[in-house]
Amino acid sequence: MSRPRYIRPDPGAAVPTTAMVMAAGIGKRMRPLTATRPKPLVEVAGRTLLDHTFDRLRAAGVQRAVVNVHYLADALEAHLRHRVHGIEVIVSDEREQLMETGGGLAKALPLLGDAPFLVVNSDNFWVDGPTDAIRQLAARWNDGTMDALLLLVPYARAHNHGGQGDFHLDAAGRIVGRRKPGRVAPFVYTGLQIVSPRLIRDWPAGPFSTNLFWDRAIAAGRAFGVVHQGLWSEVNVPGAIARTEALLADG
């Protein structure tokens, strides 16, 4: 396997001013903790997953966030009103129907603007390496050649990841394929990406996955990945909380 080199940074790159925070999921695998609270309000290291997400966005200079809500939406909205400061928050309401990841992006598109935007899942936890992960993404973004730029972590460093990896990269950082059945893919999606709004088009009615947009970008050669240099942990089951906190304590 060739080692992906970093994409040459754009010297004029700036962090997207808008982020889409994916927070509408039901969190079935996190039960019983999610019986009375939405998954983004589960705590890791004394703060909710949602607060950790906004800490990262605020530190990177993001100015506004669109947050989709569905399960226990009132609790999420109350938390956003009373606990999130320093960033303009706009709610994309999915109370009537959970739209999944791709459908959530499509529904929120009128709120996201015309410029490339961040997308961040509120159920993953990362610690920056030598550079801020969001700024690392922004520095690699090239609007002329990319429709999606995903922050990836090597499979061997994907803590608490229950799968077998997601993607393959070429030496230039282009995503060239997905994991094949019965195989392990070398890179795992961290839940953080930059997306161009031009990719969010021609979507089906009803809920659907972001995979539809990713597959389109991969086929066009316009999906890229950046390798995360810090710590990452998937927090999708109750046991992952203690394991993630142990990683932080060891660090």
C-alpha atoms as a PDB file:
ATOM      1  CA  MET A   1       0.000   0.000   0.000  1.00  0.00           C
ATOM      2  CA  SER A   2       1.412   3.390  -0.954  1.00  0.00           C
ATOM      3  CA  ARG A   3       1.594   5.947   1.815  1.00  0.00           C
ATOM      4  CA  PRO A   4      -0.664   8.949   1.114  1.00  0.00           C
ATOM      5  CA  ARG A   5       1.229  12.184   1.061  1.00  0.00           C
ATOM      6  CA  TYR A   6      -0.385  15.355   2.273  1.00  0.00           C
ATOM      7  CA  ILE A   7      -2.202  17.458  -0.280  1.00  0.00           C
ATOM      8  CA  ARG A   8      -0.358  20.738  -0.794  1.00  0.00           C
ATOM      9  CA  PRO A   9      -2.054  23.378   1.356  1.00  0.00           C
ATOM     10  CA  ASP A  10      -3.742  26.359  -0.198  1.00  0.00           C
ATOM     11  CA  PRO A  11      -1.870  29.326   1.291  1.00  0.00           C
ATOM     12  CA  GLY A  12      -5.047  31.414   1.181  1.00  0.00           C
ATOM     13  CA  ALA A  13      -7.196  28.780   2.850  1.00  0.00           C
ATOM     14  CA  ALA A  14      -9.582  29.784   5.601  1.00  0.00           C
ATOM     15  CA  VAL A  15     -11.716  27.684   7.911  1.00  0.00           C
ATOM     16  CA  PRO A  16     -15.312  27.483   6.666  1.00  0.00           C
ATOM     17  CA  THR A  17     -17.479  29.899   8.608  1.00  0.00           C
ATOM     18  CA  THR A  18     -20.421  27.466   8.747  1.00  0.00           C
ATOM     19  CA  ALA A  19     -20.674  23.927  10.119  1.00  0.00           C
ATOM     20  CA  MET A  20     -23.397  21.317   9.962  1.00  0.00           C
ATOM     21  CA  VAL A  21     -23.569  19.431  13.273  1.00  0.00           C
ATOM     22  CA  MET A  22     -25.261  16.059  12.903  1.00  0.00           C
ATOM     23  CA  ALA A  23     -27.202  15.560  16.147  1.00  0.00           C
ATOM     24  CA  ALA A  24     -30.531  14.000  15.174  1.00  0.00           C
ATOM     25  CA  GLY A  25     -29.788  10.297  15.635  1.00  0.00           C
ATOM     26  CA  ILE A  26     -31.677   8.095  18.081  1.00  0.00           C
ATOM     27  CA  GLY A  27     -28.549   6.491  19.571  1.00  0.00           C
ATOM     28  CA  LYS A  28     -29.921   2.952  19.938  1.00  0.00           C
ATOM     29  CA  ARG A  29     -26.510   1.416  20.584  1.00  0.00           C
ATOM     30  CA  MET A  30     -25.927   3.852  23.450  1.00  0.00           C
ATOM     31  CA  ARG A  31     -28.930   2.603  25.438  1.00  0.00           C
ATOM     32  CA  PRO A  32     -29.747   2.704  28.308  1.00  0.00           C
ATOM     33  CA  LEU A  33     -27.973   6.088  28.506  1.00  0.00           C
ATOM     34  CA  THR A  34     -30.087   7.448  25.662  1.00  0.00           C
ATOM     35  CA  ALA A  35     -33.402   6.372  27.160  1.00  0.00           C
ATOM     36  CA  THR A  36     -33.776   9.820  28.730  1.00  0.00           C
ATOM     37  CA  ARG A  37     -31.334  12.030  26.802  1.00  0.00           C
ATOM     38  CA  PRO A  38     -30.217  12.368  23.207  1.00  0.00           C
ATOM     39  CA  LYS A  39     -26.858  10.846  22.374  1.00  0.00           C
ATOM     40  CA  PRO A  40     -25.097  14.230  21.860  1.00  0.00           C
ATOM     41  CA  LEU A  41     -25.812  15.009  25.540  1.00  0.00           C
ATOM     42  CA  VAL A  42     -24.034  11.898  26.817  1.00  0.00           C
ATOM     43  CA  GLU A  43     -20.954  12.981  28.782  1.00  0.00           C
ATOM     44  CA  VAL A  44     -17.319  12.062  28.191  1.00  0.00           C
ATOM     45  CA  ALA A  45     -14.642  13.464  30.503  1.00  0.00           C
ATOM     46  CA  GLY A  46     -17.148  15.702  32.276  1.00  0.00           C
ATOM     47  CA  ARG A  47     -18.634  17.394  29.200  1.00  0.00           C
ATOM     48  CA  THR A  48     -21.291  16.376  26.745  1.00  0.00           C
ATOM     49  CA  LEU A  49     -20.292  15.145  23.313  1.00  0.00           C
ATOM     50  CA  LEU A  50     -22.101  18.161  21.876  1.00  0.00           C
ATOM     51  CA  ASP A  51     -20.092  20.562  24.062  1.00  0.00           C
ATOM     52  CA  HIS A  52     -16.833  18.921  22.969  1.00  0.00           C
ATOM     53  CA  THR A  53     -17.919  19.407  19.355  1.00  0.00           C
ATOM     54  CA  PHE A  54     -18.669  23.089  19.867  1.00  0.00           C
ATOM     55  CA  ASP A  55     -15.387  23.544  21.735  1.00  0.00           C
ATOM     56  CA  ARG A  56     -13.565  22.360  18.593  1.00  0.00           C
ATOM     57  CA  LEU A  57     -15.655  24.500  16.255  1.00  0.00           C
ATOM     58  CA  ARG A  58     -15.233  27.612  18.370  1.00  0.00           C
ATOM     59  CA  ALA A  59     -11.476  27.113  18.701  1.00  0.00           C
ATOM     60  CA  ALA A  60     -11.135  26.821  14.916  1.00  0.00           C
ATOM     61  CA  GLY A  61     -13.032  30.059  14.311  1.00  0.00           C
ATOM     62  CA  VAL A  62     -16.336  28.689  12.999  1.00  0.00           C
ATOM     63  CA  GLN A  63     -19.001  31.404  13.289  1.00  0.00           C
ATOM     64  CA  ARG A  64     -22.300  29.606  12.776  1.00  0.00           C
ATOM     65  CA  ALA A  65     -23.599  26.071  13.144  1.00  0.00           C
ATOM     66  CA  VAL A  66     -26.688  24.385  11.744  1.00  0.00           C
ATOM     67  CA  VAL A  67     -27.741  21.568  14.085  1.00  0.00           C
ATOM     68  CA  ASN A  68     -30.310  18.973  13.052  1.00  0.00           C
ATOM     69  CA  VAL A  69     -32.609  17.615  15.765  1.00  0.00           C
ATOM     70  CA  HIS A  70     -35.087  14.730  15.970  1.00  0.00           C
ATOM     71  CA  TYR A  71     -34.877  12.429  19.014  1.00  0.00           C
ATOM     72  CA  LEU A  72     -35.620  14.296  22.271  1.00  0.00           C
ATOM     73  CA  ALA A  73     -35.323  17.466  20.239  1.00  0.00           C
ATOM     74  CA  ASP A  74     -36.623  19.738  23.012  1.00  0.00           C
ATOM     75  CA  ALA A  75     -33.748  18.721  25.292  1.00  0.00           C
ATOM     76  CA  LEU A  76     -31.216  19.362  22.541  1.00  0.00           C
ATOM     77  CA  GLU A  77     -32.663  22.755  21.722  1.00  0.00           C
ATOM     78  CA  ALA A  78     -32.689  23.754  25.402  1.00  0.00           C
ATOM     79  CA  HIS A  79     -29.028  22.765  25.709  1.00  0.00           C
ATOM     80  CA  LEU A  80     -28.140  24.747  22.605  1.00  0.00           C
ATOM     81  CA  ARG A  81     -29.927  27.826  23.950  1.00  0.00           C
ATOM     82  CA  HIS A  82     -28.468  27.758  27.429  1.00  0.00           C
ATOM     83  CA  ARG A  83     -25.061  26.103  27.096  1.00  0.00           C
ATOM     84  CA  VAL A  84     -23.673  27.014  23.676  1.00  0.00           C
ATOM     85  CA  HIS A  85     -22.167  30.467  23.334  1.00  0.00           C
ATOM     86  CA  GLY A  86     -19.894  32.262  20.909  1.00  0.00           C
ATOM     87  CA  ILE A  87     -21.379  30.646  17.786  1.00  0.00           C
ATOM     88  CA  GLU A  88     -24.651  31.441  16.050  1.00  0.00           C
ATOM     89  CA  VAL A  89     -26.838  28.318  16.194  1.00  0.00           C
ATOM     90  CA  ILE A  90     -29.599  27.511  13.700  1.00  0.00           C
ATOM     91  CA  VAL A  91     -31.783  24.430  14.155  1.00  0.00           C
ATOM     92  CA  SER A  92     -32.769  22.185  11.274  1.00  0.00           C
ATOM     93  CA  ASP A  93     -35.913  20.536  12.608  1.00  0.00           C
ATOM     94  CA  GLU A  94     -36.407  16.861  11.747  1.00  0.00           C
ATOM     95  CA  ARG A  95     -39.030  16.144  14.414  1.00  0.00           C
ATOM     96  CA  GLU A  96     -41.535  14.912  11.830  1.00  0.00           C
ATOM     97  CA  GLN A  97     -39.102  12.540  10.113  1.00  0.00           C
ATOM     98  CA  LEU A  98     -35.515  11.510  10.794  1.00  0.00           C
ATOM     99  CA  MET A  99     -33.747  12.103   7.488  1.00  0.00           C
ATOM    100  CA  GLU A 100     -30.496  10.151   8.125  1.00  0.00           C
ATOM    101  CA  THR A 101     -27.143  11.705   7.303  1.00  0.00           C
ATOM    102  CA  GLY A 102     -27.597  12.494   3.606  1.00  0.00           C
ATOM    103  CA  GLY A 103     -31.206  13.535   3.978  1.00  0.00           C
ATOM    104  CA  GLY A 104     -30.229  15.740   6.908  1.00  0.00           C
ATOM    105  CA  LEU A 105     -27.692  17.568   4.747  1.00  0.00           C
ATOM    106  CA  ALA A 106     -30.202  17.981   1.934  1.00  0.00           C
ATOM    107  CA  LYS A 107     -32.889  19.325   4.262  1.00  0.00           C
ATOM    108  CA  ALA A 108     -30.453  21.785   5.857  1.00  0.00           C
ATOM    109  CA  LEU A 109     -28.901  22.954   2.576  1.00  0.00           C
ATOM    110  CA  PRO A 110     -30.906  26.233   2.386  1.00  0.00           C
ATOM    111  CA  LEU A 111     -29.476  27.119   5.823  1.00  0.00           C
ATOM    112  CA  LEU A 112     -25.862  26.296   4.967  1.00  0.00           C
ATOM    113  CA  GLY A 113     -25.123  28.928   2.336  1.00  0.00           C
ATOM    114  CA  ASP A 114     -23.240  28.820  -0.945  1.00  0.00           C
ATOM    115  CA  ALA A 115     -19.694  28.278   0.345  1.00  0.00           C
ATOM    116  CA  PRO A 116     -18.003  25.006   1.367  1.00  0.00           C
ATOM    117  CA  PHE A 117     -19.005  24.025   4.901  1.00  0.00           C
ATOM    118  CA  LEU A 118     -17.885  21.686   7.647  1.00  0.00           C
ATOM    119  CA  VAL A 119     -19.892  18.615   8.608  1.00  0.00           C
ATOM    120  CA  VAL A 120     -19.244  17.080  12.015  1.00  0.00           C
ATOM    121  CA  ASN A 121     -20.881  14.124  13.719  1.00  0.00           C
ATOM    122  CA  SER A 122     -21.587  14.855  17.357  1.00  0.00           C
ATOM    123  CA  ASP A 123     -20.881  11.280  18.507  1.00  0.00           C
ATOM    124  CA  ASN A 124     -17.162  11.050  17.745  1.00  0.00           C
ATOM    125  CA  PHE A 125     -14.383  12.381  19.926  1.00  0.00           C
ATOM    126  CA  TRP A 126     -11.050  13.666  18.760  1.00  0.00           C
ATOM    127  CA  VAL A 127      -8.006  15.355  20.255  1.00  0.00           C
ATOM    128  CA  ASP A 128      -5.915  17.530  17.974  1.00  0.00           C
ATOM    129  CA  GLY A 129      -2.396  16.467  17.069  1.00  0.00           C
ATOM    130  CA  PRO A 130       0.368  18.938  16.153  1.00  0.00           C
ATOM    131  CA  THR A 131      -2.249  21.042  14.339  1.00  0.00           C
ATOM    132  CA  ASP A 132      -5.933  21.747  14.843  1.00  0.00           C
ATOM    133  CA  ALA A 133      -7.781  19.062  12.864  1.00  0.00           C
ATOM    134  CA  ILE A 134     -10.329  21.520  11.449  1.00  0.00           C
ATOM    135  CA  ARG A 135      -7.593  23.904  10.363  1.00  0.00           C
ATOM    136  CA  GLN A 136      -5.691  20.944   8.921  1.00  0.00           C
ATOM    137  CA  LEU A 137      -8.706  20.149   6.744  1.00  0.00           C
ATOM    138  CA  ALA A 138      -9.131  23.774   5.716  1.00  0.00           C
ATOM    139  CA  ALA A 139      -5.468  24.049   4.729  1.00  0.00           C
ATOM    140  CA  ARG A 140      -5.832  21.045   2.405  1.00  0.00           C
ATOM    141  CA  TRP A 141      -9.112  22.112   0.819  1.00  0.00           C
ATOM    142  CA  ASN A 142      -8.929  22.868  -2.901  1.00  0.00           C
ATOM    143  CA  ASP A 143     -12.256  23.992  -4.296  1.00  0.00           C
ATOM    144  CA  GLY A 144     -11.108  23.443  -7.852  1.00  0.00           C
ATOM    145  CA  THR A 145     -10.436  19.739  -7.426  1.00  0.00           C
ATOM    146  CA  MET A 146     -12.575  18.651  -4.461  1.00  0.00           C
ATOM    147  CA  ASP A 147     -16.226  18.193  -3.612  1.00  0.00           C
ATOM    148  CA  ALA A 148     -15.575  16.406  -0.301  1.00  0.00           C
ATOM    149  CA  LEU A 149     -12.526  16.287   1.978  1.00  0.00           C
ATOM    150  CA  LEU A 150     -12.783  13.795   4.830  1.00  0.00           C
ATOM    151  CA  LEU A 151     -10.690  13.609   7.980  1.00  0.00           C
ATOM    152  CA  LEU A 152      -9.589   9.974   8.226  1.00  0.00           C
ATOM    153  CA  VAL A 153      -7.690   8.030  10.858  1.00  0.00           C
ATOM    154  CA  PRO A 154      -5.598   4.902  10.232  1.00  0.00           C
ATOM    155  CA  TYR A 155      -7.510   1.748  11.112  1.00  0.00           C
ATOM    156  CA  ALA A 156      -4.859   0.799  13.671  1.00  0.00           C
ATOM    157  CA  ARG A 157      -5.486   4.053  15.565  1.00  0.00           C
ATOM    158  CA  ALA A 158      -9.294   4.024  15.321  1.00  0.00           C
ATOM    159  CA  HIS A 159     -10.096   3.521  18.992  1.00  0.00           C
ATOM    160  CA  ASN A 160     -13.405   1.777  19.780  1.00  0.00           C
ATOM    161  CA  HIS A 161     -14.148   1.426  16.067  1.00  0.00           C
ATOM    162  CA  GLY A 162     -16.429  -1.560  15.667  1.00  0.00           C
ATOM    163  CA  GLY A 163     -16.062  -1.894  11.908  1.00  0.00           C
ATOM    164  CA  GLN A 164     -13.291  -2.941   9.542  1.00  0.00           C
ATOM    165  CA  GLY A 165     -12.387   0.415   8.071  1.00  0.00           C
ATOM    166  CA  ASP A 166     -13.983   2.546   5.383  1.00  0.00           C
ATOM    167  CA  PHE A 167     -11.739   3.850   2.605  1.00  0.00           C
ATOM    168  CA  HIS A 168      -8.591   3.447   0.515  1.00  0.00           C
ATOM    169  CA  LEU A 169      -6.451   6.442  -0.484  1.00  0.00           C
ATOM    170  CA  ASP A 170      -3.952   6.867  -3.282  1.00  0.00           C
ATOM    171  CA  ALA A 171      -0.595   8.592  -2.832  1.00  0.00           C
ATOM    172  CA  ALA A 172      -2.153  12.012  -3.536  1.00  0.00           C
ATOM    173  CA  GLY A 173      -4.813  11.588  -0.845  1.00  0.00           C
ATOM    174  CA  ARG A 174      -7.651  10.879  -3.281  1.00  0.00           C
ATOM    175  CA  ILE A 175     -10.239   8.373  -2.043  1.00  0.00           C
ATOM    176  CA  VAL A 176     -10.067   5.588  -4.608  1.00  0.00           C
ATOM    177  CA  GLY A 177     -12.333   2.972  -3.101  1.00  0.00           C
ATOM    178  CA  ARG A 178     -14.242   1.539  -0.197  1.00  0.00           C
ATOM    179  CA  ARG A 179     -13.613  -1.493   1.949  1.00  0.00           C
ATOM    180  CA  LYS A 180     -14.194  -4.746   0.075  1.00  0.00           C
ATOM    181  CA  PRO A 181     -16.219  -7.563   1.692  1.00  0.00           C
ATOM    182  CA  GLY A 182     -14.060  -9.750   3.887  1.00  0.00           C
ATOM    183  CA  ARG A 183     -11.198  -7.215   3.881  1.00  0.00           C
ATOM    184  CA  VAL A 184     -10.009  -4.416   6.141  1.00  0.00           C
ATOM    185  CA  ALA A 185      -9.721  -0.898   4.730  1.00  0.00           C
ATOM    186  CA  PRO A 186      -6.742   1.127   5.988  1.00  0.00           C
ATOM    187  CA  PHE A 187      -8.639   4.319   6.869  1.00  0.00           C
ATOM    188  CA  VAL A 188     -11.685   5.106   9.002  1.00  0.00           C
ATOM    189  CA  TYR A 189     -13.898   8.166   8.639  1.00  0.00           C
ATOM    190  CA  THR A 190     -13.711  10.290  11.789  1.00  0.00           C
ATOM    191  CA  GLY A 191     -17.029  12.101  11.409  1.00  0.00           C
ATOM    192  CA  LEU A 192     -15.462  15.388  10.243  1.00  0.00           C
ATOM    193  CA  GLN A 193     -15.361  16.665   6.669  1.00  0.00           C
ATOM    194  CA  ILE A 194     -15.571  19.689   4.395  1.00  0.00           C
ATOM    195  CA  VAL A 195     -18.231  19.523   1.700  1.00  0.00           C
ATOM    196  CA  SER A 196     -18.994  21.736  -1.253  1.00  0.00           C
ATOM    197  CA  PRO A 197     -22.689  22.586  -1.602  1.00  0.00           C
ATOM    198  CA  ARG A 198     -22.465  21.641  -5.298  1.00  0.00           C
ATOM    199  CA  LEU A 199     -22.262  17.988  -4.176  1.00  0.00           C
ATOM    200  CA  ILE A 200     -25.650  18.196  -2.430  1.00  0.00           C
ATOM    201  CA  ARG A 201     -27.914  17.808  -5.464  1.00  0.00           C
ATOM    202  CA  ASP A 202     -30.248  15.350  -7.178  1.00  0.00           C
ATOM    203  CA  TRP A 203     -31.173  13.554  -3.990  1.00  0.00           C
ATOM    204  CA  PRO A 204     -34.036  11.051  -3.530  1.00  0.00           C
ATOM    205  CA  ALA A 205     -37.178  11.694  -1.535  1.00  0.00           C
ATOM    206  CA  GLY A 206     -37.099  10.624   2.108  1.00  0.00           C
ATOM    207  CA  PRO A 207     -34.213   9.575   4.352  1.00  0.00           C
ATOM    208  CA  PHE A 208     -30.903   8.444   2.843  1.00  0.00           C
ATOM    209  CA  SER A 209     -27.221   8.147   3.701  1.00  0.00           C
ATOM    210  CA  THR A 210     -24.350  10.509   2.918  1.00  0.00           C
ATOM    211  CA  ASN A 211     -22.895   7.531   1.052  1.00  0.00           C
ATOM    212  CA  LEU A 212     -24.925   8.647  -1.968  1.00  0.00           C
ATOM    213  CA  PHE A 213     -22.962  11.915  -2.129  1.00  0.00           C
ATOM    214  CA  TRP A 214     -19.628  10.292  -1.282  1.00  0.00           C
ATOM    215  CA  ASP A 215     -20.024   7.657  -3.998  1.00  0.00           C
ATOM    216  CA  ARG A 216     -20.742  10.416  -6.495  1.00  0.00           C
ATOM    217  CA  ALA A 217     -17.619  12.320  -5.457  1.00  0.00           C
ATOM    218  CA  ILE A 218     -15.445   9.189  -5.484  1.00  0.00           C
ATOM    219  CA  ALA A 219     -16.627   8.265  -8.981  1.00  0.00           C
ATOM    220  CA  ALA A 220     -15.767  11.773 -10.198  1.00  0.00           C
ATOM    221  CA  GLY A 221     -12.332  11.687  -8.541  1.00  0.00           C
ATOM    222  CA  ARG A 222     -13.318  14.619  -6.332  1.00  0.00           C
ATOM    223  CA  ALA A 223     -13.328  12.930  -2.897  1.00  0.00           C
ATOM    224  CA  PHE A 224     -10.134  13.253  -0.843  1.00  0.00           C
ATOM    225  CA  GLY A 225      -8.936  12.383   2.619  1.00  0.00           C
ATOM    226  CA  VAL A 226      -6.589  13.940   5.164  1.00  0.00           C
ATOM    227  CA  VAL A 227      -4.981  11.703   7.781  1.00  0.00           C
ATOM    228  CA  HIS A 228      -5.671  12.849  11.340  1.00  0.00           C
ATOM    229  CA  GLN A 229      -2.494  13.325  13.364  1.00  0.00           C
ATOM    230  CA  GLY A 230      -4.079  13.196  16.817  1.00  0.00           C
ATOM    231  CA  LEU A 231      -6.285  10.933  18.916  1.00  0.00           C
ATOM    232  CA  TRP A 232      -9.702   9.720  17.779  1.00  0.00           C
ATOM    233  CA  SER A 233     -12.292   7.531  19.459  1.00  0.00           C
ATOM    234  CA  GLU A 234     -15.717   6.383  18.374  1.00  0.00           C
ATOM    235  CA  VAL A 235     -18.230   6.801  21.198  1.00  0.00           C
ATOM    236  CA  ASN A 236     -21.173   4.691  20.099  1.00  0.00           C
ATOM    237  CA  VAL A 237     -21.780   2.287  23.003  1.00  0.00           C
ATOM    238  CA  PRO A 238     -21.748   2.875  26.792  1.00  0.00           C
ATOM    239  CA  GLY A 239     -18.486   0.983  27.270  1.00  0.00           C
ATOM    240  CA  ALA A 240     -16.699   3.305  24.866  1.00  0.00           C
ATOM    241  CA  ILE A 241     -17.051   6.186  27.331  1.00  0.00           C
ATOM    242  CA  ALA A 242     -14.749   4.687  29.969  1.00  0.00           C
ATOM    243  CA  ARG A 243     -12.311   3.473  27.306  1.00  0.00           C
ATOM    244  CA  THR A 244     -12.129   6.943  25.788  1.00  0.00           C
ATOM    245  CA  GLU A 245     -11.599   8.562  29.184  1.00  0.00           C
ATOM    246  CA  ALA A 246      -8.800   6.048  29.852  1.00  0.00           C
ATOM    247  CA  LEU A 247      -7.129   7.063  26.590  1.00  0.00           C
ATOM    248  CA  LEU A 248      -7.268  10.688  27.673  1.00  0.00           C
ATOM    249  CA  ALA A 249      -5.813   9.851  31.072  1.00  0.00           C
ATOM    250  CA  ASP A 250      -2.937   7.940  29.445  1.00  0.00           C
ATOM    251  CA  GLY A 251      -2.247  10.876  27.112  1.00  0.00           C
END
